[in-house]
Amino acid sequence: MISFGADKPRRKPNLTPMIDVVFLLLVFFMLASRFGADRALPLTVTGSGGNYNGPPRLVELVADEVRLNGVVMNQDELIETLQTLTESGEDAIILRARDEADLQALVHVMDGLTAAGFSRLVLVE
């Protein structure tokens, strides 16, 4: 009979590479996921502008500034001036973002106007 030597004890599989791969996948998915909360803007899309009355109220966002009817002003002045130009919070305010205006700046202006009590914001191109 042929002898191949003494039986060696069977080795246990090494789990270190598998654990490394699992941790790498975990880190990848953690870095690829988004931790911020998404928020929907309450905009109403209509085919017609509806009834518009009163003086013009055009708020333009251009690069780093906010203009009301062509006059540059900051957020507080904008709200104060709009309160004098409107009869109630239901009056329409036209918003237009132009020439490299930041979306976050538009959302910031919309939040400020909503907090001041203006509920009818119309977004145009």
N, C-alpha and C. Protein backbone atom coordinates (compact mmCIF):
# COMPACT_ATOMS: atom_id res chain seq x y z
N MET A 1 0.82 -1.15 0.00
CA MET A 1 0.00 0.00 0.00
C MET A 1 0.88 1.24 0.00
N ILE A 2 0.35 2.26 -0.65
CA ILE A 2 1.13 3.50 -0.79
C ILE A 2 0.74 4.45 0.33
N SER A 3 1.75 5.02 0.94
CA SER A 3 1.49 5.96 2.03
C SER A 3 1.84 7.36 1.55
N PHE A 4 0.91 8.28 1.71
CA PHE A 4 1.14 9.67 1.30
C PHE A 4 1.57 10.55 2.47
N GLY A 5 1.83 10.02 3.54
CA GLY A 5 2.26 10.78 4.72
C GLY A 5 1.11 10.93 5.70
N ALA A 6 1.40 11.59 6.77
CA ALA A 6 0.39 11.76 7.82
C ALA A 6 -0.64 12.79 7.36
N ASP A 7 -1.87 12.55 7.76
CA ASP A 7 -2.94 13.50 7.42
C ASP A 7 -2.70 14.81 8.16
N LYS A 8 -2.74 15.89 7.40
CA LYS A 8 -2.59 17.20 8.01
C LYS A 8 -3.96 17.66 8.50
N PRO A 9 -3.98 18.36 9.61
CA PRO A 9 -5.28 18.86 10.06
C PRO A 9 -5.83 19.87 9.04
N ARG A 10 -7.12 19.80 8.85
CA ARG A 10 -7.77 20.65 7.86
C ARG A 10 -7.74 22.11 8.34
N ARG A 11 -7.35 23.03 7.44
CA ARG A 11 -7.25 24.44 7.81
C ARG A 11 -8.62 25.09 7.74
N LYS A 12 -8.88 25.98 8.64
CA LYS A 12 -10.12 26.74 8.59
C LYS A 12 -9.96 27.86 7.56
N PRO A 13 -11.05 28.20 6.86
CA PRO A 13 -10.92 29.26 5.86
C PRO A 13 -10.63 30.61 6.53
N ASN A 14 -9.84 31.41 5.85
CA ASN A 14 -9.48 32.72 6.37
C ASN A 14 -10.58 33.71 5.98
N LEU A 15 -11.25 34.31 6.96
CA LEU A 15 -12.36 35.21 6.70
C LEU A 15 -11.94 36.68 6.61
N THR A 16 -10.67 36.94 6.80
CA THR A 16 -10.22 38.33 6.79
C THR A 16 -10.48 39.03 5.45
N PRO A 17 -10.17 38.43 4.30
CA PRO A 17 -10.46 39.13 3.04
C PRO A 17 -11.96 39.41 2.83
N MET A 18 -12.81 38.46 3.26
CA MET A 18 -14.24 38.68 3.10
C MET A 18 -14.71 39.83 4.00
N ILE A 19 -14.22 39.91 5.21
CA ILE A 19 -14.58 41.00 6.12
C ILE A 19 -14.09 42.33 5.57
N ASP A 20 -12.90 42.34 4.98
CA ASP A 20 -12.39 43.56 4.36
C ASP A 20 -13.30 44.04 3.23
N VAL A 21 -13.74 43.13 2.41
CA VAL A 21 -14.64 43.48 1.30
C VAL A 21 -15.97 44.01 1.83
N VAL A 22 -16.50 43.40 2.86
CA VAL A 22 -17.77 43.86 3.44
C VAL A 22 -17.61 45.27 3.99
N PHE A 23 -16.52 45.55 4.69
CA PHE A 23 -16.31 46.89 5.22
C PHE A 23 -16.09 47.91 4.11
N LEU A 24 -15.38 47.53 3.06
CA LEU A 24 -15.20 48.44 1.93
C LEU A 24 -16.55 48.76 1.28
N LEU A 25 -17.41 47.76 1.12
CA LEU A 25 -18.74 48.02 0.56
C LEU A 25 -19.55 48.91 1.49
N LEU A 26 -19.44 48.68 2.78
CA LEU A 26 -20.16 49.50 3.74
C LEU A 26 -19.71 50.96 3.66
N VAL A 27 -18.41 51.18 3.61
CA VAL A 27 -17.88 52.55 3.48
C VAL A 27 -18.31 53.17 2.16
N PHE A 28 -18.28 52.42 1.09
CA PHE A 28 -18.70 52.95 -0.21
C PHE A 28 -20.15 53.41 -0.19
N PHE A 29 -21.04 52.57 0.32
CA PHE A 29 -22.45 52.94 0.32
C PHE A 29 -22.75 54.07 1.31
N MET A 30 -21.99 54.16 2.38
CA MET A 30 -22.18 55.28 3.30
C MET A 30 -21.76 56.59 2.65
N LEU A 31 -20.66 56.57 1.91
CA LEU A 31 -20.19 57.79 1.25
C LEU A 31 -21.04 58.15 0.03
N ALA A 32 -21.62 57.17 -0.61
CA ALA A 32 -22.43 57.42 -1.81
C ALA A 32 -23.85 57.83 -1.48
N SER A 33 -24.29 57.59 -0.25
CA SER A 33 -25.66 57.94 0.10
C SER A 33 -25.75 59.42 0.46
N ARG A 34 -26.97 59.93 0.43
CA ARG A 34 -27.22 61.33 0.77
C ARG A 34 -27.83 61.39 2.15
N PHE A 35 -27.24 62.22 3.00
CA PHE A 35 -27.72 62.32 4.37
C PHE A 35 -28.66 63.51 4.56
N GLY A 36 -28.71 64.42 3.59
CA GLY A 36 -29.59 65.58 3.70
C GLY A 36 -31.03 65.20 3.43
N ALA A 37 -31.93 65.99 3.97
CA ALA A 37 -33.35 65.74 3.75
C ALA A 37 -33.80 66.49 2.50
N ASP A 38 -34.52 65.80 1.65
CA ASP A 38 -35.06 66.44 0.46
C ASP A 38 -36.27 67.25 0.85
N ARG A 39 -36.49 68.32 0.10
CA ARG A 39 -37.62 69.18 0.40
C ARG A 39 -38.30 69.56 -0.90
N ALA A 40 -39.59 69.51 -0.91
CA ALA A 40 -40.35 69.87 -2.10
C ALA A 40 -40.80 71.32 -1.97
N LEU A 41 -40.68 72.06 -3.05
CA LEU A 41 -41.14 73.44 -3.06
C LEU A 41 -42.60 73.48 -3.46
N PRO A 42 -43.42 74.19 -2.73
CA PRO A 42 -44.84 74.24 -3.05
C PRO A 42 -45.12 75.23 -4.18
N LEU A 43 -44.94 74.80 -5.40
CA LEU A 43 -45.20 75.65 -6.56
C LEU A 43 -46.41 75.12 -7.32
N THR A 44 -47.25 76.03 -7.74
CA THR A 44 -48.41 75.66 -8.52
C THR A 44 -48.16 76.01 -9.97
N VAL A 45 -48.32 75.05 -10.86
CA VAL A 45 -48.12 75.27 -12.28
C VAL A 45 -49.49 75.48 -12.92
N THR A 46 -49.66 76.65 -13.52
CA THR A 46 -50.91 76.95 -14.18
C THR A 46 -50.63 77.46 -15.58
N GLY A 47 -51.62 77.36 -16.42
CA GLY A 47 -51.47 77.83 -17.79
C GLY A 47 -51.60 79.32 -17.92
N SER A 48 -52.36 79.95 -17.03
CA SER A 48 -52.52 81.40 -17.10
C SER A 48 -52.10 82.00 -15.77
N GLY A 49 -51.73 83.26 -15.82
CA GLY A 49 -51.25 83.93 -14.63
C GLY A 49 -52.35 84.30 -13.66
N GLY A 50 -53.60 84.23 -14.08
CA GLY A 50 -54.69 84.59 -13.18
C GLY A 50 -54.85 86.10 -13.14
N ASN A 51 -55.58 86.57 -12.17
CA ASN A 51 -55.80 88.00 -12.04
C ASN A 51 -54.63 88.64 -11.32
N TYR A 52 -54.11 89.68 -11.92
CA TYR A 52 -53.01 90.43 -11.31
C TYR A 52 -53.48 91.86 -11.16
N ASN A 53 -53.42 92.36 -9.95
CA ASN A 53 -53.80 93.74 -9.75
C ASN A 53 -52.78 94.42 -8.85
N GLY A 54 -52.75 95.73 -8.92
CA GLY A 54 -51.82 96.49 -8.09
C GLY A 54 -50.56 96.85 -8.84
N PRO A 55 -49.62 97.45 -8.14
CA PRO A 55 -48.35 97.85 -8.76
C PRO A 55 -47.50 96.64 -9.12
N PRO A 56 -46.50 96.82 -9.99
CA PRO A 56 -45.63 95.69 -10.35
C PRO A 56 -44.82 95.22 -9.15
N ARG A 57 -44.67 93.91 -9.07
CA ARG A 57 -43.91 93.29 -7.99
C ARG A 57 -43.04 92.18 -8.59
N LEU A 58 -41.98 92.58 -9.28
CA LEU A 58 -41.08 91.63 -9.94
C LEU A 58 -39.79 91.52 -9.13
N VAL A 59 -39.57 90.35 -8.56
CA VAL A 59 -38.35 90.09 -7.79
C VAL A 59 -37.42 89.29 -8.69
N GLU A 60 -36.25 89.87 -9.00
CA GLU A 60 -35.27 89.21 -9.87
C GLU A 60 -34.05 88.84 -9.05
N LEU A 61 -33.55 87.64 -9.29
CA LEU A 61 -32.29 87.21 -8.69
C LEU A 61 -31.24 87.17 -9.79
N VAL A 62 -30.22 88.00 -9.65
CA VAL A 62 -29.16 88.08 -10.64
C VAL A 62 -27.84 87.86 -9.90
N ALA A 63 -27.18 86.77 -10.20
CA ALA A 63 -25.90 86.40 -9.58
C ALA A 63 -25.99 86.53 -8.05
N ASP A 64 -25.40 87.58 -7.46
CA ASP A 64 -25.34 87.71 -6.00
C ASP A 64 -26.26 88.78 -5.45
N GLU A 65 -27.22 89.26 -6.23
CA GLU A 65 -28.08 90.34 -5.73
C GLU A 65 -29.55 90.06 -6.01
N VAL A 66 -30.37 90.72 -5.25
CA VAL A 66 -31.83 90.61 -5.39
C VAL A 66 -32.35 91.98 -5.79
N ARG A 67 -33.20 92.00 -6.81
CA ARG A 67 -33.76 93.26 -7.29
C ARG A 67 -35.28 93.21 -7.21
N LEU A 68 -35.87 94.29 -6.78
CA LEU A 68 -37.32 94.45 -6.81
C LEU A 68 -37.63 95.56 -7.80
N ASN A 69 -38.27 95.22 -8.91
CA ASN A 69 -38.59 96.16 -9.99
C ASN A 69 -37.34 96.89 -10.46
N GLY A 70 -36.21 96.20 -10.51
CA GLY A 70 -34.96 96.77 -11.01
C GLY A 70 -34.09 97.44 -9.97
N VAL A 71 -34.56 97.58 -8.75
CA VAL A 71 -33.80 98.24 -7.68
C VAL A 71 -33.16 97.18 -6.79
N VAL A 72 -31.84 97.27 -6.61
CA VAL A 72 -31.11 96.29 -5.80
C VAL A 72 -31.40 96.55 -4.33
N MET A 73 -31.73 95.49 -3.60
CA MET A 73 -31.97 95.61 -2.16
C MET A 73 -31.70 94.28 -1.48
N ASN A 74 -31.58 94.36 -0.14
CA ASN A 74 -31.35 93.12 0.62
C ASN A 74 -32.69 92.51 1.00
N GLN A 75 -32.65 91.38 1.68
CA GLN A 75 -33.86 90.60 1.99
C GLN A 75 -34.84 91.39 2.87
N ASP A 76 -34.33 92.10 3.89
CA ASP A 76 -35.22 92.84 4.78
C ASP A 76 -35.90 94.00 4.06
N GLU A 77 -35.15 94.73 3.25
CA GLU A 77 -35.73 95.82 2.47
C GLU A 77 -36.76 95.30 1.48
N LEU A 78 -36.48 94.14 0.91
CA LEU A 78 -37.39 93.53 -0.05
C LEU A 78 -38.75 93.25 0.60
N ILE A 79 -38.71 92.66 1.77
CA ILE A 79 -39.96 92.31 2.45
C ILE A 79 -40.73 93.57 2.85
N GLU A 80 -40.02 94.57 3.39
CA GLU A 80 -40.67 95.82 3.78
C GLU A 80 -41.31 96.51 2.58
N THR A 81 -40.59 96.57 1.47
CA THR A 81 -41.12 97.24 0.28
C THR A 81 -42.30 96.47 -0.30
N LEU A 82 -42.22 95.14 -0.30
CA LEU A 82 -43.33 94.34 -0.81
C LEU A 82 -44.58 94.49 0.06
N GLN A 83 -44.39 94.67 1.35
CA GLN A 83 -45.55 94.86 2.22
C GLN A 83 -46.26 96.18 1.91
N THR A 84 -45.51 97.17 1.45
CA THR A 84 -46.16 98.43 1.07
C THR A 84 -46.80 98.34 -0.31
N LEU A 85 -46.29 97.43 -1.16
CA LEU A 85 -46.83 97.30 -2.52
C LEU A 85 -48.02 96.35 -2.61
N THR A 86 -48.28 95.61 -1.56
CA THR A 86 -49.38 94.63 -1.60
C THR A 86 -50.47 95.02 -0.61
N GLU A 87 -51.67 94.58 -0.93
CA GLU A 87 -52.80 94.80 -0.01
C GLU A 87 -52.93 93.66 0.98
N SER A 88 -52.61 92.45 0.54
CA SER A 88 -52.67 91.28 1.42
C SER A 88 -51.60 90.28 0.99
N GLY A 89 -51.46 89.22 1.78
CA GLY A 89 -50.48 88.18 1.46
C GLY A 89 -50.88 87.33 0.27
N GLU A 90 -52.12 87.49 -0.22
CA GLU A 90 -52.61 86.73 -1.37
C GLU A 90 -52.26 87.38 -2.70
N ASP A 91 -51.71 88.60 -2.68
CA ASP A 91 -51.33 89.26 -3.93
C ASP A 91 -50.13 88.55 -4.54
N ALA A 92 -50.12 88.48 -5.87
CA ALA A 92 -49.07 87.73 -6.57
C ALA A 92 -47.75 88.50 -6.55
N ILE A 93 -46.67 87.75 -6.33
CA ILE A 93 -45.32 88.28 -6.42
C ILE A 93 -44.60 87.44 -7.46
N ILE A 94 -44.07 88.09 -8.48
CA ILE A 94 -43.39 87.41 -9.59
C ILE A 94 -41.92 87.23 -9.23
N LEU A 95 -41.43 86.01 -9.31
CA LEU A 95 -40.02 85.69 -9.06
C LEU A 95 -39.36 85.26 -10.36
N ARG A 96 -38.19 85.81 -10.63
CA ARG A 96 -37.46 85.40 -11.84
C ARG A 96 -35.98 85.29 -11.51
N ALA A 97 -35.42 84.12 -11.75
CA ALA A 97 -33.98 83.89 -11.56
C ALA A 97 -33.31 84.07 -12.90
N ARG A 98 -32.28 84.91 -12.94
CA ARG A 98 -31.62 85.22 -14.20
C ARG A 98 -30.12 85.08 -14.08
N ASP A 99 -29.48 84.86 -15.22
CA ASP A 99 -28.03 84.95 -15.39
C ASP A 99 -27.22 84.41 -14.21
N GLU A 100 -27.11 83.12 -14.14
CA GLU A 100 -26.28 82.44 -13.15
C GLU A 100 -26.75 82.64 -11.72
N ALA A 101 -28.03 82.84 -11.53
CA ALA A 101 -28.56 82.95 -10.16
C ALA A 101 -28.54 81.56 -9.53
N ASP A 102 -28.20 81.52 -8.27
CA ASP A 102 -28.08 80.27 -7.54
C ASP A 102 -29.46 79.78 -7.10
N LEU A 103 -29.71 78.50 -7.26
CA LEU A 103 -30.99 77.93 -6.85
C LEU A 103 -31.20 78.07 -5.35
N GLN A 104 -30.15 77.91 -4.58
CA GLN A 104 -30.27 78.05 -3.14
C GLN A 104 -30.66 79.48 -2.76
N ALA A 105 -30.16 80.48 -3.50
CA ALA A 105 -30.56 81.86 -3.23
C ALA A 105 -32.04 82.07 -3.53
N LEU A 106 -32.54 81.43 -4.59
CA LEU A 106 -33.96 81.52 -4.91
C LEU A 106 -34.81 80.90 -3.81
N VAL A 107 -34.40 79.75 -3.32
CA VAL A 107 -35.12 79.09 -2.23
C VAL A 107 -35.07 79.94 -0.97
N HIS A 108 -33.93 80.58 -0.71
CA HIS A 108 -33.80 81.45 0.47
C HIS A 108 -34.77 82.63 0.38
N VAL A 109 -34.87 83.25 -0.79
CA VAL A 109 -35.80 84.36 -0.99
C VAL A 109 -37.24 83.87 -0.84
N MET A 110 -37.54 82.71 -1.41
CA MET A 110 -38.90 82.16 -1.30
C MET A 110 -39.25 81.87 0.16
N ASP A 111 -38.31 81.34 0.92
CA ASP A 111 -38.55 81.06 2.34
C ASP A 111 -38.81 82.35 3.11
N GLY A 112 -38.02 83.39 2.80
CA GLY A 112 -38.21 84.67 3.47
C GLY A 112 -39.56 85.29 3.17
N LEU A 113 -39.98 85.20 1.90
CA LEU A 113 -41.28 85.75 1.52
C LEU A 113 -42.42 84.96 2.14
N THR A 114 -42.29 83.65 2.17
CA THR A 114 -43.32 82.82 2.78
C THR A 114 -43.42 83.09 4.28
N ALA A 115 -42.28 83.25 4.93
CA ALA A 115 -42.28 83.54 6.37
C ALA A 115 -42.89 84.91 6.66
N ALA A 116 -42.77 85.85 5.70
CA ALA A 116 -43.34 87.18 5.88
C ALA A 116 -44.84 87.20 5.61
N GLY A 117 -45.40 86.09 5.14
CA GLY A 117 -46.84 86.00 4.95
C GLY A 117 -47.30 86.06 3.51
N PHE A 118 -46.38 86.07 2.55
CA PHE A 118 -46.76 86.08 1.14
C PHE A 118 -46.95 84.64 0.68
N SER A 119 -48.15 84.33 0.22
CA SER A 119 -48.45 82.94 -0.12
C SER A 119 -48.57 82.70 -1.61
N ARG A 120 -48.63 83.72 -2.41
CA ARG A 120 -48.82 83.54 -3.87
C ARG A 120 -47.57 83.98 -4.60
N LEU A 121 -46.63 83.06 -4.74
CA LEU A 121 -45.37 83.31 -5.44
C LEU A 121 -45.44 82.68 -6.82
N VAL A 122 -45.16 83.48 -7.84
CA VAL A 122 -45.21 83.01 -9.22
C VAL A 122 -43.79 82.99 -9.75
N LEU A 123 -43.33 81.82 -10.17
CA LEU A 123 -41.98 81.64 -10.68
C LEU A 123 -42.03 81.63 -12.20
N VAL A 124 -41.29 82.54 -12.84
CA VAL A 124 -41.26 82.63 -14.31
C VAL A 124 -39.81 82.49 -14.78
N GLU A 125 -39.68 82.22 -16.08
CA GLU A 125 -38.34 82.10 -16.67
C GLU A 125 -37.79 83.46 -16.99
